Protein backbone atom coordinates (compact mmCIF):
# COMPACT_ATOMS: atom_id res chain seq x y z
CA MET A 1 -7.18 10.30 -10.76
CA THR A 2 -6.96 14.37 -10.87
CA ILE A 3 -6.77 16.87 -8.48
CA ALA A 4 -10.28 18.66 -10.08
CA GLU A 5 -11.60 14.97 -9.17
CA VAL A 6 -10.45 14.82 -5.81
CA ILE A 7 -11.96 18.47 -5.27
CA LYS A 8 -15.25 16.77 -6.62
CA ASN A 9 -15.30 14.59 -4.59
CA LYS A 10 -16.04 16.51 -1.39
CA TRP A 11 -17.27 20.00 -2.50
CA GLY A 12 -19.09 18.69 -6.30
CA THR A 13 -22.54 17.18 -6.19
CA LEU A 14 -22.61 14.42 -3.35
CA PRO A 15 -24.38 11.57 -2.61
CA LYS A 16 -28.41 12.34 -2.36
CA GLU A 17 -30.15 10.83 1.17
CA SER A 18 -32.54 8.59 0.41
CA THR A 19 -35.92 8.02 1.24
CA GLU A 20 -36.53 4.55 0.14
CA SER A 21 -38.43 2.20 2.16
CA PHE A 22 -37.54 -1.14 3.14
CA ALA A 23 -39.76 -2.07 4.68
CA GLY A 24 -39.62 -5.34 5.55
CA ARG A 25 -37.28 -6.53 4.25
CA THR A 26 -33.96 -7.88 5.55
CA VAL A 27 -30.65 -6.47 4.92
CA LEU A 28 -26.44 -8.03 4.61
CA VAL A 29 -24.05 -5.37 5.18
CA THR A 30 -20.87 -6.92 5.08
CA GLY A 31 -17.72 -5.76 7.35
CA ALA A 32 -20.37 -3.22 8.76
CA THR A 33 -17.96 -2.59 12.72
CA SER A 34 -17.03 0.39 11.36
CA GLY A 35 -17.22 3.27 8.74
CA LEU A 36 -18.79 2.83 5.52
CA GLY A 37 -20.88 -0.38 6.87
CA TYR A 38 -21.78 0.99 10.25
CA ALA A 39 -23.65 3.90 8.31
CA ALA A 40 -24.84 2.29 5.92
CA ALA A 41 -26.28 -0.68 8.27
CA ALA A 42 -27.57 2.44 10.85
CA LYS A 43 -29.53 4.13 7.63
CA PHE A 44 -30.84 0.38 5.97
CA ALA A 45 -32.69 0.71 9.70
CA ARG A 46 -33.62 3.47 9.75
CA LEU A 47 -35.38 2.96 6.47
CA GLY A 48 -37.67 0.33 7.83
CA ALA A 49 -35.55 -3.49 7.73
CA SER A 50 -36.97 -5.72 8.75
CA LYS A 51 -33.17 -7.12 9.69
CA VAL A 52 -30.26 -6.07 9.13
CA ILE A 53 -26.95 -8.44 10.07
CA ILE A 54 -24.49 -7.28 9.91
CA THR A 55 -20.64 -8.95 10.00
CA ALA A 56 -17.19 -9.14 11.50
CA ARG A 57 -14.43 -11.16 11.74
CA ASP A 58 -14.42 -11.30 15.82
CA GLU A 59 -18.15 -11.63 17.59
CA ALA A 60 -17.89 -9.40 20.16
CA LYS A 61 -16.61 -6.75 18.52
CA GLY A 62 -20.13 -7.57 16.22
CA GLU A 63 -21.79 -7.41 19.79
CA SER A 64 -20.32 -4.21 20.28
CA THR A 65 -21.12 -2.67 17.32
CA LYS A 66 -24.87 -4.07 17.81
CA LYS A 67 -25.06 -2.13 21.02
CA GLN A 68 -23.72 1.02 19.38
CA LEU A 69 -26.54 0.81 16.76
CA GLU A 70 -29.01 -0.25 18.74
CA ALA A 71 -28.23 3.40 20.49
CA GLU A 72 -28.37 4.99 18.15
CA VAL A 73 -30.75 3.89 16.17
CA SER A 74 -33.53 2.92 18.89
CA GLN A 75 -35.77 1.03 16.82
CA GLN A 76 -37.50 -1.77 18.54
CA PRO A 77 -37.42 -4.74 18.57
CA SER A 78 -33.84 -4.55 17.37
CA PRO A 79 -33.72 -5.05 13.54
CA PHE A 80 -29.54 -5.66 14.21
CA GLU A 81 -28.17 -9.45 14.21
CA VAL A 82 -24.03 -10.30 14.00
CA TRP A 83 -23.09 -12.95 11.90
CA THR A 84 -19.00 -14.23 11.83
CA LEU A 85 -17.38 -13.79 8.90
CA ASP A 86 -13.83 -13.61 7.97
CA MET A 87 -13.51 -13.12 4.30
CA ASN A 88 -10.26 -14.22 4.40
CA LEU A 89 -10.61 -18.04 4.31
CA TYR A 90 -13.12 -19.70 2.60
CA ASP A 91 -14.66 -22.34 4.65
CA SER A 92 -15.94 -18.86 6.41
CA VAL A 93 -17.46 -17.64 3.85
CA VAL A 94 -19.26 -21.19 2.35
CA ASN A 95 -20.51 -21.17 6.38
CA PHE A 96 -21.48 -17.53 6.10
CA SER A 97 -23.37 -18.67 2.92
CA GLN A 98 -24.86 -22.05 3.89
CA ARG A 99 -26.45 -20.46 7.51
CA ALA A 100 -28.39 -17.31 4.67
CA ASN A 101 -29.36 -20.16 3.20
CA ALA A 102 -30.20 -22.37 5.69
CA GLU A 103 -32.12 -19.62 7.83
CA LEU A 104 -33.51 -16.51 6.71
CA ASP A 105 -36.80 -16.98 4.78
CA HIS A 106 -35.71 -13.92 2.48
CA LEU A 107 -33.18 -11.88 1.82
CA ASP A 108 -33.27 -8.76 0.12
CA VAL A 109 -30.37 -6.81 -0.51
CA ALA A 110 -26.68 -8.22 0.36
CA ILE A 111 -23.90 -5.22 -0.07
CA LEU A 112 -20.68 -7.10 0.16
CA ASN A 113 -18.43 -3.91 1.15
CA ILE A 114 -14.91 -5.76 3.84
CA GLY A 115 -12.44 -4.27 1.25
CA VAL A 116 -8.64 -4.29 1.78
CA PHE A 117 -6.10 -2.00 1.64
CA ASN A 118 -2.17 -3.33 1.49
CA THR A 119 1.04 -1.34 1.08
CA SER A 120 2.88 -4.73 0.91
CA TYR A 121 2.81 -7.91 0.44
CA ARG A 122 0.77 -9.88 2.87
CA PRO A 123 -0.46 -13.46 2.04
CA THR A 124 -2.75 -16.01 3.04
CA GLN A 125 -2.89 -19.38 3.39
CA TYR A 126 -3.65 -19.65 0.28
CA GLY A 127 -1.40 -18.13 -1.36
CA TRP A 128 -2.23 -14.81 -2.08
CA GLU A 129 -2.03 -11.69 -1.41
CA GLU A 130 -4.86 -10.61 0.77
CA ASP A 131 -6.19 -7.64 -1.33
CA LEU A 132 -6.80 -10.23 -4.45
CA GLN A 133 -7.86 -12.97 -2.01
CA VAL A 134 -10.32 -10.34 0.35
CA ASN A 135 -11.86 -8.12 -2.85
CA THR A 136 -12.05 -10.40 -5.56
CA PHE A 137 -12.19 -14.41 -4.69
CA SER A 138 -13.79 -14.19 -1.60
CA THR A 139 -16.05 -12.07 -2.34
CA SER A 140 -17.17 -13.37 -5.70
CA LEU A 141 -17.53 -15.93 -3.67
CA LEU A 142 -20.14 -14.86 -1.78
CA GLY A 143 -21.85 -13.38 -4.34
CA ILE A 144 -22.56 -16.29 -5.84
CA LEU A 145 -23.02 -18.39 -2.85
CA LEU A 146 -25.75 -15.88 -2.62
CA LEU A 147 -27.71 -16.14 -5.72
CA PRO A 148 -29.94 -18.75 -5.01
CA LYS A 149 -31.22 -17.34 -1.84
CA LEU A 150 -31.99 -13.53 -3.85
CA LYS A 151 -33.17 -15.40 -6.26
CA GLU A 152 -36.08 -16.42 -4.54
CA SER A 153 -36.48 -14.08 -2.31
CA GLN A 154 -38.81 -11.52 -4.23
CA LYS A 155 -41.55 -13.65 -3.79
CA TYR A 156 -41.73 -12.56 0.13
CA THR A 157 -40.95 -9.08 -0.67
CA GLY A 158 -43.15 -8.58 -4.15
CA LYS A 159 -39.46 -6.50 -4.65
CA ILE A 160 -36.54 -7.23 -6.41
CA PRO A 161 -33.45 -8.30 -4.56
CA VAL A 162 -30.60 -6.89 -5.41
CA LEU A 163 -26.63 -8.15 -4.61
CA GLN A 164 -24.37 -4.90 -4.74
CA PHE A 165 -20.62 -4.77 -5.13
CA VAL A 166 -18.48 -2.35 -3.40
CA ASN A 167 -16.35 -1.62 -6.21
CA SER A 168 -14.34 2.24 -6.56
CA GLY A 169 -13.21 4.12 -9.06
CA LEU A 170 -9.56 2.98 -8.91
CA HIS A 171 -10.66 -0.55 -11.29
CA LYS A 172 -10.66 2.04 -14.38
CA THR A 173 -7.34 3.91 -14.07
CA VAL A 174 -5.51 0.30 -14.39
CA GLU A 175 -5.29 -1.75 -17.63
CA ILE A 176 -4.50 -5.65 -17.73
CA SER A 177 -0.84 -5.33 -18.91
CA ALA A 178 0.87 -6.73 -22.31
CA GLU A 179 3.25 -9.12 -20.28
CA ALA A 180 0.20 -10.58 -18.70
CA ARG A 181 -2.41 -10.98 -21.30
CA ASP A 182 0.37 -12.93 -22.76
CA SER A 183 1.21 -15.19 -19.91
CA PRO A 184 -0.69 -18.62 -19.00
CA ASN A 185 -1.45 -17.16 -15.85
CA ILE A 186 -3.11 -13.49 -16.14
CA LEU A 187 -3.95 -12.91 -12.58
CA ALA A 188 -0.99 -14.75 -11.08
CA GLN A 189 1.27 -11.49 -12.84
CA TYR A 190 -0.74 -9.71 -9.46
CA ASN A 191 0.15 -11.61 -7.29
CA LYS A 192 3.97 -10.72 -6.76
CA PRO A 193 5.65 -9.36 -3.28
CA ASP A 194 7.98 -6.75 -5.68
CA ASN A 195 4.79 -5.43 -6.75
CA TYR A 196 3.68 -4.35 -3.88
CA THR A 197 4.83 -0.92 -2.02
CA ASN A 198 3.78 2.26 -0.86
CA SER A 199 4.49 3.52 -4.25
CA THR A 200 2.00 1.33 -6.12
CA ALA A 201 -0.66 0.65 -3.49
CA GLN A 202 -3.53 2.46 -4.77
CA ILE A 203 -2.46 0.62 -8.46
CA ARG A 204 -2.67 -3.20 -7.37
CA TYR A 205 -6.42 -2.36 -5.22
CA GLY A 206 -7.64 -0.70 -8.25
CA TYR A 207 -6.71 -4.35 -10.21
CA SER A 208 -8.29 -6.36 -7.03
CA LYS A 209 -11.47 -4.21 -7.96
CA LEU A 210 -10.94 -4.43 -11.67
CA PHE A 211 -11.36 -7.99 -11.75
CA MET A 212 -14.19 -7.90 -8.93
CA ARG A 213 -15.69 -5.31 -11.74
CA MET A 214 -15.30 -8.22 -14.30
CA VAL A 215 -16.89 -11.47 -12.32
CA ALA A 216 -20.01 -8.60 -11.52
CA VAL A 217 -20.45 -7.47 -15.10
CA ARG A 218 -19.98 -11.59 -15.73
CA LEU A 219 -22.80 -12.54 -13.60
CA ALA A 220 -25.23 -9.55 -14.35
CA ALA A 221 -24.88 -10.55 -17.78
CA ALA A 222 -26.22 -14.15 -16.96
CA THR A 223 -29.04 -12.69 -14.81
CA PRO A 224 -32.50 -11.62 -15.62
CA SER A 225 -32.09 -8.07 -14.35
CA ASN A 226 -36.67 -9.03 -12.83
CA GLU A 227 -34.93 -11.86 -11.00
CA LEU A 228 -32.08 -10.17 -9.57
CA ILE A 229 -30.22 -6.60 -9.48
CA ILE A 230 -26.61 -7.68 -9.68
CA THR A 231 -24.28 -3.88 -9.35
CA SER A 232 -21.51 -2.57 -8.53
CA VAL A 233 -21.02 0.71 -6.19
CA CYS A 234 -19.12 3.63 -5.47
CA PRO A 235 -18.91 5.39 -2.82
CA GLY A 236 -16.12 8.09 -3.69
CA ILE A 237 -13.07 8.25 -1.35
CA VAL A 238 -14.41 7.90 2.03
CA PHE A 239 -12.04 9.16 5.04
CA SER A 240 -11.57 5.30 6.89
CA ASN A 241 -9.88 3.77 7.91
CA ILE A 242 -9.16 1.17 4.87
CA HIS A 243 -5.70 2.80 4.59
CA ARG A 244 -4.91 1.64 8.48
CA HIS A 245 -1.81 -0.60 6.80
CA ILE A 246 -0.07 2.56 5.60
CA LYS A 247 2.99 3.29 7.36
CA PHE A 248 5.75 5.69 7.41
CA PRO A 249 6.08 9.28 9.83
CA GLY A 250 3.35 11.68 9.47
CA PHE A 251 0.76 9.71 7.74
CA SER A 252 -1.61 9.79 10.35
CA ILE A 253 -2.26 13.88 10.20
CA ILE A 254 -1.78 14.04 6.93
CA TYR A 255 -4.12 11.50 6.41
CA ALA A 256 -7.00 13.49 9.16
CA LEU A 257 -5.85 17.15 7.07
CA ALA A 258 -6.51 15.73 3.67
CA GLY A 259 -9.76 13.44 4.77
CA ALA A 260 -11.17 16.99 6.61
CA MET A 261 -10.27 18.86 2.96
CA PHE A 262 -11.17 15.96 0.18
CA PHE A 263 -12.52 13.28 0.89
CA ARG A 264 -16.20 12.52 2.06
CA THR A 265 -17.25 11.51 5.54
CA ALA A 266 -18.68 7.25 5.60
CA ASP A 267 -22.20 8.70 6.21
CA GLN A 268 -21.75 10.94 2.57
CA GLY A 269 -20.58 7.61 1.01
CA ALA A 270 -22.84 5.22 2.12
CA ASN A 271 -25.63 6.99 0.61
CA THR A 272 -24.16 5.56 -2.62
CA TYR A 273 -24.64 2.10 -0.64
CA ILE A 274 -28.15 3.60 -0.30
CA SER A 275 -29.62 4.82 -3.47
CA GLY A 276 -27.98 1.75 -5.77
CA ALA A 277 -29.91 -0.59 -3.74
CA SER A 278 -33.11 0.90 -5.17
CA GLN A 279 -35.12 -0.80 -7.32
CA ASN A 280 -33.97 0.39 -10.43
CA GLN A 281 -33.37 -2.37 -13.08
CA GLU A 282 -31.04 0.59 -14.70
CA LEU A 283 -28.44 -0.70 -12.43
CA HIS A 284 -28.15 -3.69 -13.40
CA GLY A 285 -24.72 -4.89 -14.58
CA ARG A 286 -23.92 -1.04 -14.26
CA PHE A 287 -20.96 1.04 -12.33
CA TRP A 288 -23.56 4.14 -10.19
CA ALA A 289 -20.77 6.91 -8.02
CA SER A 290 -22.26 9.75 -7.19
CA ASP A 291 -25.37 9.14 -8.25
CA VAL A 292 -25.35 8.57 -11.46
CA ILE A 293 -24.46 5.67 -13.96
CA GLU A 294 -21.11 5.96 -15.16
CA ASN A 295 -19.39 4.68 -18.29
CA ASP A 296 -18.24 1.54 -18.43
CA ALA A 297 -13.80 1.60 -17.79
CA GLN A 298 -12.69 1.17 -21.14
CA SER A 299 -9.84 -1.88 -19.87
CA LEU A 300 -14.24 -3.75 -19.85
CA VAL A 301 -15.04 -2.44 -23.93
CA GLY A 302 -13.91 -4.06 -26.65
CA GLU A 303 -14.10 -7.13 -28.03
CA GLU A 304 -10.38 -8.37 -26.89
CA ASN A 305 -11.47 -6.69 -23.65
CA GLN A 306 -14.77 -8.48 -23.55
CA LYS A 307 -12.72 -12.19 -24.11
CA LEU A 308 -10.08 -11.55 -21.73
CA MET A 309 -12.94 -10.59 -19.23
CA LEU A 310 -14.12 -14.49 -19.93
CA ARG A 311 -10.27 -15.88 -19.20
CA ILE A 312 -9.80 -14.30 -15.86
CA TRP A 313 -13.10 -15.09 -15.13
CA ASP A 314 -11.91 -18.64 -16.02
CA GLU A 315 -9.60 -18.22 -13.89
CA ILE A 316 -10.82 -17.20 -10.76
CA MET A 317 -13.42 -20.20 -11.01
CA GLU A 318 -10.35 -22.36 -11.35
CA GLU A 319 -9.20 -20.66 -7.82
CA LEU A 320 -12.05 -21.38 -6.55
CA GLY A 321 -13.68 -24.30 -7.04
CA LYS A 322 -9.54 -25.99 -5.91
CA HIS A 323 -11.43 -25.25 -2.38
CA VAL A 324 -15.57 -24.73 -2.95
CA PRO A 325 -15.26 -27.76 -5.29
CA ASP A 326 -19.01 -27.36 -6.03
CA ILE A 327 -18.85 -23.83 -7.18
CA LYS A 328 -19.14 -25.48 -11.05
CA GLU A 329 -22.49 -26.33 -10.47
CA HIS A 330 -24.04 -24.32 -8.15
CA LEU A 331 -23.71 -21.55 -11.23
CA GLN A 332 -25.35 -24.08 -13.41
CA ARG A 333 -27.95 -24.57 -10.81
CA CYS A 334 -28.08 -20.63 -11.02
CA GLY A 335 -28.23 -20.41 -14.12
CA ILE A 336 -25.02 -19.26 -15.30
CA GLN A 337 -22.62 -21.50 -17.28
């Protein structure tokens, strides 16, 4: 990202506040205990959502956040519910989706907001670095498992449901290397401990978001936009705690100063989530940022890249299938081969 783009992020055209009513709709915002997720949950409630589900790994922290939201929004009865979700664990993702499919009459908007940004190699129990685990694998799994409930919800509200993958413009700054293309397993090439350092953190994060974007594109291509709008959104560079794992002397001071000068607030960034959850079918399969539909990354364009995207889709499905054996049957039931 250039200096001009960084300045434009803060001082250019900011995402506008939405006035669309979400009355009667159920909205899910994952990772809403702080930052963008918290701001988005509050906005959806103010716009009339009848139920706003926020997620937390720790139930006590979730309940504390719920009280803060209730005090801030002051709506009776409270629209907020707290559901536990740990995106580092496939079982937690599966249990969460099973609960949603069983307990909710309808789910109209799902904002998959949880993301991690690491500067060192932090493996999960499945052998994948946490950026890939959370941003790519678990987010893809959650979106796929929520498809049935989302697709059946239009009959309750008359509104086309929305599945929103929160992405980043950094996915446009990376391309799959020739070495990775020639290897039998592409994703394994981006899971090497030696690749994770402070200096490469943005690159590795960008790859995890590129792979997520590929999944969103694949799901959208197989889903009619009059049944479900599947989109990817970018809130811009936002002052948040996603960089909490960066450790070097003076970083917190530098980050605070940079945030004041160049970063959007969480409230400003969350406006993109709201506008991206509109009923605009033009957003289906597209990348939404700063209130405009942006062109696809070059790494997604062209016949060779399309073939590459299918390879990566297959690798992601293979990994998910090891831990969720019926994932392929689930996709077939949703009309996705």
